Amino acid sequence: MEIRRLNNKDMDQVIDIWVEGSVAAHDFISPDYWESKKIDMKTTYLPMADTFVIHERDHILGFVSMVDHYLAALFVDIKKQKKGYGKQLLRYIKQKQDMIELKVYQKNKNAIHFYLKNGFRIEADTIDEPTAESEYVMVWEKDKTGGYQGLNM
């Protein structure tokens, strides 16, 4: 298993992981909302992001997308969750960044717990305009000694 940059032949697997994961994690938002965003993911969001996949042979297990210091997406195949792949992707990105910011729906308790456990802190409350759902803005920063806060090695 390794982490590498997304390539075009990965796109359909990554989008499937994103839709399935979004529907499973956000039961408070209609599945139709996520389905309606598939084309935008393929043509706009993924191309503008720096995206890395964790894979085994040709099977994508999960992915992480960054836009500058903003963590735009971190998803693991729902059949492969709870095996440390998300943590590995997050560790990989933390090695490349001094600071990471993200937004997470306040109703997504599992994601909030995951990020808190991995050194993020809640900075602010906001509203996601397209869904009208409350979100937290969360931040992680490399500590001043050059190590990593909350890396949980």
N, C-alpha and C. Protein backbone atom coordinates (compact mmCIF):
# COMPACT_ATOMS: atom_id res chain seq x y z
N MET A 1 0.84 -1.17 0.00
CA MET A 1 0.00 0.00 0.00
C MET A 1 0.89 1.23 0.00
N GLU A 2 0.51 2.23 -0.82
CA GLU A 2 1.29 3.46 -0.89
C GLU A 2 0.38 4.65 -1.15
N ILE A 3 0.95 5.83 -0.96
CA ILE A 3 0.25 7.08 -1.24
C ILE A 3 0.94 7.73 -2.43
N ARG A 4 0.15 8.15 -3.38
CA ARG A 4 0.67 8.83 -4.56
C ARG A 4 -0.33 9.87 -5.05
N ARG A 5 0.13 10.70 -5.96
CA ARG A 5 -0.73 11.75 -6.53
C ARG A 5 -1.84 11.12 -7.38
N LEU A 6 -3.01 11.72 -7.34
CA LEU A 6 -4.16 11.31 -8.16
C LEU A 6 -3.79 11.40 -9.63
N ASN A 7 -4.22 10.41 -10.42
CA ASN A 7 -4.10 10.54 -11.87
C ASN A 7 -5.49 10.35 -12.48
N ASN A 8 -5.61 10.64 -13.78
CA ASN A 8 -6.93 10.63 -14.43
C ASN A 8 -7.64 9.29 -14.35
N LYS A 9 -6.90 8.18 -14.38
CA LYS A 9 -7.58 6.88 -14.34
C LYS A 9 -8.14 6.56 -12.94
N ASP A 10 -7.74 7.33 -11.92
CA ASP A 10 -8.26 7.16 -10.56
C ASP A 10 -9.60 7.87 -10.36
N MET A 11 -9.92 8.80 -11.25
CA MET A 11 -11.01 9.74 -11.03
C MET A 11 -12.34 9.07 -10.67
N ASP A 12 -12.77 8.06 -11.42
CA ASP A 12 -14.07 7.45 -11.15
C ASP A 12 -14.11 6.76 -9.78
N GLN A 13 -13.03 6.06 -9.41
CA GLN A 13 -12.98 5.42 -8.09
C GLN A 13 -13.04 6.47 -6.98
N VAL A 14 -12.31 7.56 -7.15
CA VAL A 14 -12.28 8.61 -6.13
C VAL A 14 -13.66 9.25 -5.98
N ILE A 15 -14.31 9.52 -7.08
CA ILE A 15 -15.65 10.13 -7.01
C ILE A 15 -16.64 9.16 -6.37
N ASP A 16 -16.55 7.88 -6.68
CA ASP A 16 -17.43 6.88 -6.04
C ASP A 16 -17.19 6.86 -4.52
N ILE A 17 -15.93 6.89 -4.09
CA ILE A 17 -15.61 6.92 -2.66
C ILE A 17 -16.18 8.17 -2.02
N TRP A 18 -16.05 9.30 -2.71
CA TRP A 18 -16.57 10.57 -2.18
C TRP A 18 -18.10 10.54 -2.03
N VAL A 19 -18.81 10.08 -3.06
CA VAL A 19 -20.28 10.05 -2.99
C VAL A 19 -20.74 9.08 -1.90
N GLU A 20 -20.22 7.86 -1.91
CA GLU A 20 -20.63 6.86 -0.90
C GLU A 20 -20.31 7.35 0.51
N GLY A 21 -19.13 7.91 0.69
CA GLY A 21 -18.74 8.42 2.00
C GLY A 21 -19.57 9.60 2.44
N SER A 22 -19.88 10.49 1.51
CA SER A 22 -20.69 11.67 1.84
C SER A 22 -22.10 11.27 2.24
N VAL A 23 -22.69 10.35 1.50
CA VAL A 23 -24.05 9.88 1.82
C VAL A 23 -24.05 9.19 3.19
N ALA A 24 -23.07 8.33 3.45
CA ALA A 24 -23.01 7.59 4.71
C ALA A 24 -22.76 8.51 5.91
N ALA A 25 -21.90 9.50 5.75
CA ALA A 25 -21.53 10.37 6.87
C ALA A 25 -22.50 11.53 7.10
N HIS A 26 -23.30 11.81 6.10
CA HIS A 26 -24.17 13.00 6.19
C HIS A 26 -25.62 12.61 5.95
N ASP A 27 -26.17 11.77 6.82
CA ASP A 27 -27.56 11.33 6.65
C ASP A 27 -28.56 12.47 6.84
N PHE A 28 -28.08 13.62 7.26
CA PHE A 28 -28.93 14.80 7.45
C PHE A 28 -29.02 15.65 6.18
N ILE A 29 -28.34 15.21 5.11
CA ILE A 29 -28.39 15.89 3.81
C ILE A 29 -28.86 14.86 2.78
N SER A 30 -29.74 15.27 1.87
CA SER A 30 -30.29 14.36 0.87
C SER A 30 -29.18 13.76 0.00
N PRO A 31 -29.23 12.45 -0.24
CA PRO A 31 -28.26 11.83 -1.15
C PRO A 31 -28.25 12.48 -2.53
N ASP A 32 -29.38 13.02 -2.94
CA ASP A 32 -29.46 13.70 -4.24
C ASP A 32 -28.51 14.89 -4.31
N TYR A 33 -28.28 15.55 -3.19
CA TYR A 33 -27.35 16.68 -3.16
C TYR A 33 -25.96 16.22 -3.59
N TRP A 34 -25.49 15.10 -3.01
CA TRP A 34 -24.15 14.60 -3.32
C TRP A 34 -24.07 14.12 -4.76
N GLU A 35 -25.10 13.40 -5.21
CA GLU A 35 -25.14 12.94 -6.60
C GLU A 35 -25.06 14.12 -7.57
N SER A 36 -25.73 15.22 -7.22
CA SER A 36 -25.76 16.39 -8.11
C SER A 36 -24.40 17.08 -8.21
N LYS A 37 -23.48 16.76 -7.32
CA LYS A 37 -22.16 17.40 -7.29
C LYS A 37 -21.07 16.56 -7.98
N LYS A 38 -21.41 15.40 -8.51
CA LYS A 38 -20.40 14.51 -9.11
C LYS A 38 -19.65 15.18 -10.27
N ILE A 39 -20.36 15.83 -11.15
CA ILE A 39 -19.71 16.47 -12.30
C ILE A 39 -18.80 17.60 -11.83
N ASP A 40 -19.26 18.39 -10.85
CA ASP A 40 -18.41 19.45 -10.30
C ASP A 40 -17.15 18.88 -9.68
N MET A 41 -17.27 17.75 -8.99
CA MET A 41 -16.09 17.11 -8.41
C MET A 41 -15.08 16.75 -9.49
N LYS A 42 -15.58 16.18 -10.58
CA LYS A 42 -14.70 15.70 -11.65
C LYS A 42 -14.09 16.85 -12.45
N THR A 43 -14.86 17.89 -12.71
CA THR A 43 -14.40 18.94 -13.62
C THR A 43 -13.83 20.16 -12.92
N THR A 44 -14.20 20.38 -11.66
CA THR A 44 -13.76 21.61 -10.98
C THR A 44 -12.96 21.32 -9.72
N TYR A 45 -13.59 20.66 -8.74
CA TYR A 45 -12.98 20.53 -7.41
C TYR A 45 -11.71 19.69 -7.40
N LEU A 46 -11.75 18.49 -7.96
CA LEU A 46 -10.55 17.66 -7.95
C LEU A 46 -9.42 18.27 -8.81
N PRO A 47 -9.72 18.80 -10.00
CA PRO A 47 -8.63 19.41 -10.78
C PRO A 47 -7.97 20.62 -10.10
N MET A 48 -8.71 21.36 -9.28
CA MET A 48 -8.11 22.54 -8.64
C MET A 48 -7.36 22.19 -7.36
N ALA A 49 -7.52 20.96 -6.89
CA ALA A 49 -6.90 20.55 -5.63
C ALA A 49 -5.64 19.73 -5.88
N ASP A 50 -4.83 19.65 -4.85
CA ASP A 50 -3.68 18.77 -4.83
C ASP A 50 -4.17 17.50 -4.13
N THR A 51 -4.40 16.44 -4.89
CA THR A 51 -5.06 15.24 -4.37
C THR A 51 -4.11 14.05 -4.39
N PHE A 52 -4.13 13.30 -3.28
CA PHE A 52 -3.32 12.11 -3.13
C PHE A 52 -4.22 10.94 -2.78
N VAL A 53 -3.89 9.77 -3.31
CA VAL A 53 -4.68 8.57 -3.05
C VAL A 53 -3.82 7.57 -2.30
N ILE A 54 -4.47 6.81 -1.43
CA ILE A 54 -3.82 5.65 -0.81
C ILE A 54 -4.41 4.45 -1.53
N HIS A 55 -3.53 3.57 -2.01
CA HIS A 55 -4.02 2.48 -2.84
C HIS A 55 -3.23 1.20 -2.60
N GLU A 56 -3.87 0.13 -3.03
CA GLU A 56 -3.27 -1.20 -3.04
C GLU A 56 -3.45 -1.72 -4.45
N ARG A 57 -2.35 -1.92 -5.16
CA ARG A 57 -2.39 -2.24 -6.59
C ARG A 57 -3.22 -1.17 -7.30
N ASP A 58 -4.29 -1.53 -7.98
CA ASP A 58 -5.10 -0.54 -8.70
C ASP A 58 -6.36 -0.14 -7.92
N HIS A 59 -6.48 -0.59 -6.68
CA HIS A 59 -7.67 -0.29 -5.89
C HIS A 59 -7.41 0.91 -4.97
N ILE A 60 -8.19 1.96 -5.16
CA ILE A 60 -8.08 3.15 -4.33
C ILE A 60 -8.81 2.88 -3.01
N LEU A 61 -8.11 3.10 -1.90
CA LEU A 61 -8.69 2.88 -0.57
C LEU A 61 -9.24 4.19 0.01
N GLY A 62 -8.66 5.32 -0.40
CA GLY A 62 -9.08 6.61 0.10
C GLY A 62 -8.29 7.71 -0.57
N PHE A 63 -8.65 8.95 -0.25
CA PHE A 63 -7.96 10.08 -0.85
C PHE A 63 -8.05 11.30 0.05
N VAL A 64 -7.13 12.23 -0.18
CA VAL A 64 -7.13 13.51 0.51
C VAL A 64 -6.88 14.59 -0.53
N SER A 65 -7.62 15.70 -0.44
CA SER A 65 -7.48 16.82 -1.37
C SER A 65 -7.20 18.09 -0.59
N MET A 66 -6.14 18.78 -1.01
CA MET A 66 -5.76 20.05 -0.39
C MET A 66 -5.83 21.17 -1.43
N VAL A 67 -6.30 22.33 -1.01
CA VAL A 67 -6.21 23.56 -1.80
C VAL A 67 -5.44 24.52 -0.91
N ASP A 68 -4.18 24.72 -1.25
CA ASP A 68 -3.25 25.47 -0.41
C ASP A 68 -3.20 24.81 0.97
N HIS A 69 -3.58 25.54 2.03
CA HIS A 69 -3.55 24.96 3.38
C HIS A 69 -4.93 24.43 3.82
N TYR A 70 -5.89 24.43 2.89
CA TYR A 70 -7.26 24.01 3.21
C TYR A 70 -7.47 22.54 2.84
N LEU A 71 -7.88 21.74 3.82
CA LEU A 71 -8.19 20.34 3.58
C LEU A 71 -9.62 20.29 3.03
N ALA A 72 -9.72 20.11 1.72
CA ALA A 72 -11.02 20.15 1.04
C ALA A 72 -11.77 18.83 1.15
N ALA A 73 -11.02 17.71 1.25
CA ALA A 73 -11.67 16.40 1.32
C ALA A 73 -10.71 15.37 1.89
N LEU A 74 -11.24 14.51 2.73
CA LEU A 74 -10.52 13.34 3.23
C LEU A 74 -11.57 12.23 3.35
N PHE A 75 -11.47 11.25 2.46
CA PHE A 75 -12.46 10.18 2.43
C PHE A 75 -11.77 8.84 2.28
N VAL A 76 -12.31 7.84 2.96
CA VAL A 76 -11.85 6.46 2.86
C VAL A 76 -13.05 5.63 2.42
N ASP A 77 -12.81 4.69 1.52
CA ASP A 77 -13.84 3.75 1.07
C ASP A 77 -14.59 3.23 2.30
N ILE A 78 -15.93 3.29 2.27
CA ILE A 78 -16.70 2.93 3.48
C ILE A 78 -16.48 1.48 3.90
N LYS A 79 -16.06 0.63 2.97
CA LYS A 79 -15.78 -0.78 3.31
C LYS A 79 -14.38 -0.94 3.91
N LYS A 80 -13.57 0.11 3.89
CA LYS A 80 -12.19 0.05 4.38
C LYS A 80 -11.94 0.99 5.56
N GLN A 81 -13.00 1.57 6.10
CA GLN A 81 -12.83 2.51 7.21
C GLN A 81 -12.44 1.78 8.49
N LYS A 82 -11.89 2.55 9.43
CA LYS A 82 -11.47 2.06 10.75
C LYS A 82 -10.25 1.14 10.65
N LYS A 83 -9.44 1.29 9.60
CA LYS A 83 -8.22 0.49 9.42
C LYS A 83 -6.98 1.37 9.39
N GLY A 84 -7.13 2.67 9.68
CA GLY A 84 -5.99 3.57 9.74
C GLY A 84 -5.65 4.29 8.45
N TYR A 85 -6.40 4.09 7.38
CA TYR A 85 -6.07 4.73 6.11
C TYR A 85 -6.26 6.25 6.17
N GLY A 86 -7.31 6.70 6.81
CA GLY A 86 -7.53 8.14 6.96
C GLY A 86 -6.41 8.79 7.75
N LYS A 87 -5.99 8.13 8.79
CA LYS A 87 -4.89 8.63 9.62
C LYS A 87 -3.59 8.70 8.82
N GLN A 88 -3.35 7.70 7.98
CA GLN A 88 -2.15 7.71 7.13
C GLN A 88 -2.19 8.86 6.13
N LEU A 89 -3.34 9.10 5.53
CA LEU A 89 -3.47 10.22 4.60
C LEU A 89 -3.26 11.55 5.31
N LEU A 90 -3.83 11.68 6.50
CA LEU A 90 -3.67 12.92 7.27
C LEU A 90 -2.21 13.11 7.67
N ARG A 91 -1.56 12.07 8.11
CA ARG A 91 -0.13 12.15 8.47
C ARG A 91 0.69 12.60 7.26
N TYR A 92 0.38 12.06 6.10
CA TYR A 92 1.09 12.40 4.86
C TYR A 92 0.97 13.90 4.57
N ILE A 93 -0.23 14.43 4.71
CA ILE A 93 -0.47 15.86 4.44
C ILE A 93 0.19 16.72 5.52
N LYS A 94 0.14 16.29 6.76
CA LYS A 94 0.76 17.07 7.84
C LYS A 94 2.26 17.24 7.62
N GLN A 95 2.90 16.26 6.98
CA GLN A 95 4.33 16.37 6.71
C GLN A 95 4.63 17.46 5.67
N LYS A 96 3.63 17.82 4.88
CA LYS A 96 3.81 18.80 3.81
C LYS A 96 3.33 20.21 4.19
N GLN A 97 2.65 20.34 5.31
CA GLN A 97 2.00 21.59 5.68
C GLN A 97 2.47 22.09 7.05
N ASP A 98 2.46 23.40 7.23
CA ASP A 98 2.68 23.99 8.55
C ASP A 98 1.36 24.22 9.28
N MET A 99 0.29 24.36 8.49
CA MET A 99 -1.03 24.61 9.05
C MET A 99 -2.07 24.02 8.10
N ILE A 100 -3.11 23.44 8.68
CA ILE A 100 -4.21 22.89 7.90
C ILE A 100 -5.51 23.41 8.51
N GLU A 101 -6.40 23.87 7.63
CA GLU A 101 -7.72 24.32 8.05
C GLU A 101 -8.75 23.47 7.30
N LEU A 102 -9.88 23.23 7.93
CA LEU A 102 -10.96 22.48 7.29
C LEU A 102 -12.29 22.92 7.88
N LYS A 103 -13.35 22.53 7.21
CA LYS A 103 -14.70 22.71 7.73
C LYS A 103 -15.34 21.34 7.81
N VAL A 104 -16.12 21.13 8.88
CA VAL A 104 -16.79 19.85 9.08
C VAL A 104 -18.19 20.15 9.63
N TYR A 105 -19.18 19.42 9.12
CA TYR A 105 -20.54 19.60 9.62
C TYR A 105 -20.60 19.25 11.09
N GLN A 106 -21.29 20.07 11.87
CA GLN A 106 -21.38 19.84 13.31
C GLN A 106 -22.12 18.54 13.64
N LYS A 107 -22.97 18.09 12.75
CA LYS A 107 -23.69 16.84 12.97
C LYS A 107 -22.85 15.61 12.64
N ASN A 108 -21.69 15.81 12.03
CA ASN A 108 -20.80 14.69 11.67
C ASN A 108 -19.86 14.41 12.84
N LYS A 109 -20.40 13.82 13.89
CA LYS A 109 -19.66 13.60 15.14
C LYS A 109 -18.42 12.71 14.95
N ASN A 110 -18.51 11.71 14.08
CA ASN A 110 -17.35 10.84 13.86
C ASN A 110 -16.17 11.62 13.29
N ALA A 111 -16.43 12.49 12.32
CA ALA A 111 -15.35 13.28 11.72
C ALA A 111 -14.78 14.26 12.74
N ILE A 112 -15.64 14.89 13.51
CA ILE A 112 -15.16 15.84 14.53
C ILE A 112 -14.24 15.12 15.51
N HIS A 113 -14.66 13.96 15.98
CA HIS A 113 -13.85 13.17 16.91
C HIS A 113 -12.51 12.79 16.26
N PHE A 114 -12.53 12.36 15.01
CA PHE A 114 -11.31 11.98 14.29
C PHE A 114 -10.33 13.16 14.24
N TYR A 115 -10.82 14.33 13.87
CA TYR A 115 -9.92 15.48 13.75
C TYR A 115 -9.42 15.96 15.11
N LEU A 116 -10.27 15.96 16.12
CA LEU A 116 -9.82 16.35 17.46
C LEU A 116 -8.73 15.38 17.95
N LYS A 117 -8.95 14.10 17.74
CA LYS A 117 -7.98 13.07 18.15
C LYS A 117 -6.64 13.23 17.42
N ASN A 118 -6.69 13.84 16.24
CA ASN A 118 -5.49 14.01 15.43
C ASN A 118 -4.94 15.43 15.47
N GLY A 119 -5.22 16.13 16.57
CA GLY A 119 -4.54 17.40 16.84
C GLY A 119 -5.20 18.66 16.33
N PHE A 120 -6.39 18.56 15.76
CA PHE A 120 -7.10 19.76 15.32
C PHE A 120 -7.85 20.38 16.49
N ARG A 121 -8.11 21.66 16.38
CA ARG A 121 -8.93 22.36 17.38
C ARG A 121 -10.05 23.09 16.64
N ILE A 122 -11.15 23.28 17.34
CA ILE A 122 -12.28 24.03 16.77
C ILE A 122 -11.98 25.51 16.92
N GLU A 123 -12.03 26.22 15.81
CA GLU A 123 -11.72 27.65 15.77
C GLU A 123 -12.97 28.52 15.71
N ALA A 124 -14.00 28.06 14.99
CA ALA A 124 -15.17 28.91 14.76
C ALA A 124 -16.37 28.07 14.33
N ASP A 125 -17.53 28.69 14.44
CA ASP A 125 -18.78 28.13 13.91
C ASP A 125 -19.12 28.90 12.64
N THR A 126 -19.70 28.19 11.69
CA THR A 126 -20.14 28.84 10.46
C THR A 126 -21.33 28.06 9.90
N ILE A 127 -21.88 28.55 8.83
CA ILE A 127 -23.00 27.88 8.15
C ILE A 127 -22.57 27.58 6.72
N ASP A 128 -22.80 26.35 6.28
CA ASP A 128 -22.57 25.98 4.89
C ASP A 128 -23.78 26.46 4.10
N GLU A 129 -23.59 27.47 3.26
CA GLU A 129 -24.72 28.09 2.57
C GLU A 129 -25.52 27.13 1.69
N PRO A 130 -24.88 26.26 0.88
CA PRO A 130 -25.70 25.39 0.02
C PRO A 130 -26.63 24.45 0.77
N THR A 131 -26.22 24.01 1.98
CA THR A 131 -27.04 23.05 2.73
C THR A 131 -27.73 23.67 3.94
N ALA A 132 -27.33 24.88 4.31
CA ALA A 132 -27.83 25.57 5.51
C ALA A 132 -27.50 24.81 6.79
N GLU A 133 -26.48 23.95 6.76
CA GLU A 133 -26.05 23.18 7.92
C GLU A 133 -24.94 23.91 8.67
N SER A 134 -24.94 23.77 9.99
CA SER A 134 -23.89 24.35 10.83
C SER A 134 -22.60 23.55 10.66
N GLU A 135 -21.48 24.29 10.63
CA GLU A 135 -20.16 23.67 10.50
C GLU A 135 -19.23 24.23 11.55
N TYR A 136 -18.17 23.48 11.81
CA TYR A 136 -17.04 23.99 12.58
C TYR A 136 -15.90 24.26 11.61
N VAL A 137 -15.16 25.32 11.86
CA VAL A 137 -13.87 25.53 11.23
C VAL A 137 -12.86 24.94 12.21
N MET A 138 -12.03 24.02 11.71
CA MET A 138 -11.04 23.37 12.56
C MET A 138 -9.65 23.64 11.99
N VAL A 139 -8.66 23.73 12.88
CA VAL A 139 -7.30 24.07 12.48
C VAL A 139 -6.30 23.15 13.17
N TRP A 140 -5.27 22.78 12.45
CA TRP A 140 -4.10 22.08 12.98
C TRP A 140 -2.88 22.89 12.59
N GLU A 141 -1.92 23.01 13.52
CA GLU A 141 -0.67 23.70 13.23
C GLU A 141 0.50 22.87 13.71
N LYS A 142 1.57 22.91 12.90
CA LYS A 142 2.81 22.28 13.29
C LYS A 142 3.29 23.00 14.55
N ASP A 143 3.77 22.27 15.55
CA ASP A 143 4.20 22.94 16.78
C ASP A 143 5.52 23.68 16.55
N LYS A 144 5.84 24.53 17.47
CA LYS A 144 6.98 25.45 17.34
C LYS A 144 8.33 24.75 17.34
N THR A 145 8.39 23.50 17.82
CA THR A 145 9.67 22.78 17.88
C THR A 145 9.97 22.05 16.58
N GLY A 146 9.07 22.19 15.59
CA GLY A 146 9.28 21.50 14.32
C GLY A 146 8.64 20.13 14.28
N GLY A 147 8.02 19.72 15.38
CA GLY A 147 7.32 18.45 15.42
C GLY A 147 5.90 18.64 14.93
N TYR A 148 5.07 17.69 15.22
CA TYR A 148 3.68 17.76 14.76
C TYR A 148 2.77 17.62 15.95
N GLN A 149 1.85 18.57 16.09
CA GLN A 149 0.87 18.48 17.16
C GLN A 149 -0.12 17.40 16.81
N GLY A 150 -0.45 16.59 17.77
CA GLY A 150 -1.52 15.62 17.58
C GLY A 150 -1.28 14.61 16.49
N LEU A 151 -0.03 14.33 16.15
CA LEU A 151 0.23 13.41 15.05
C LEU A 151 -0.14 11.97 15.40
N ASN A 152 -0.14 11.66 16.68
CA ASN A 152 -0.56 10.33 17.14
C ASN A 152 0.15 9.21 16.38
N MET A 153 1.45 9.26 16.35
CA MET A 153 2.23 8.23 15.66
C MET A 153 2.03 6.98 16.42
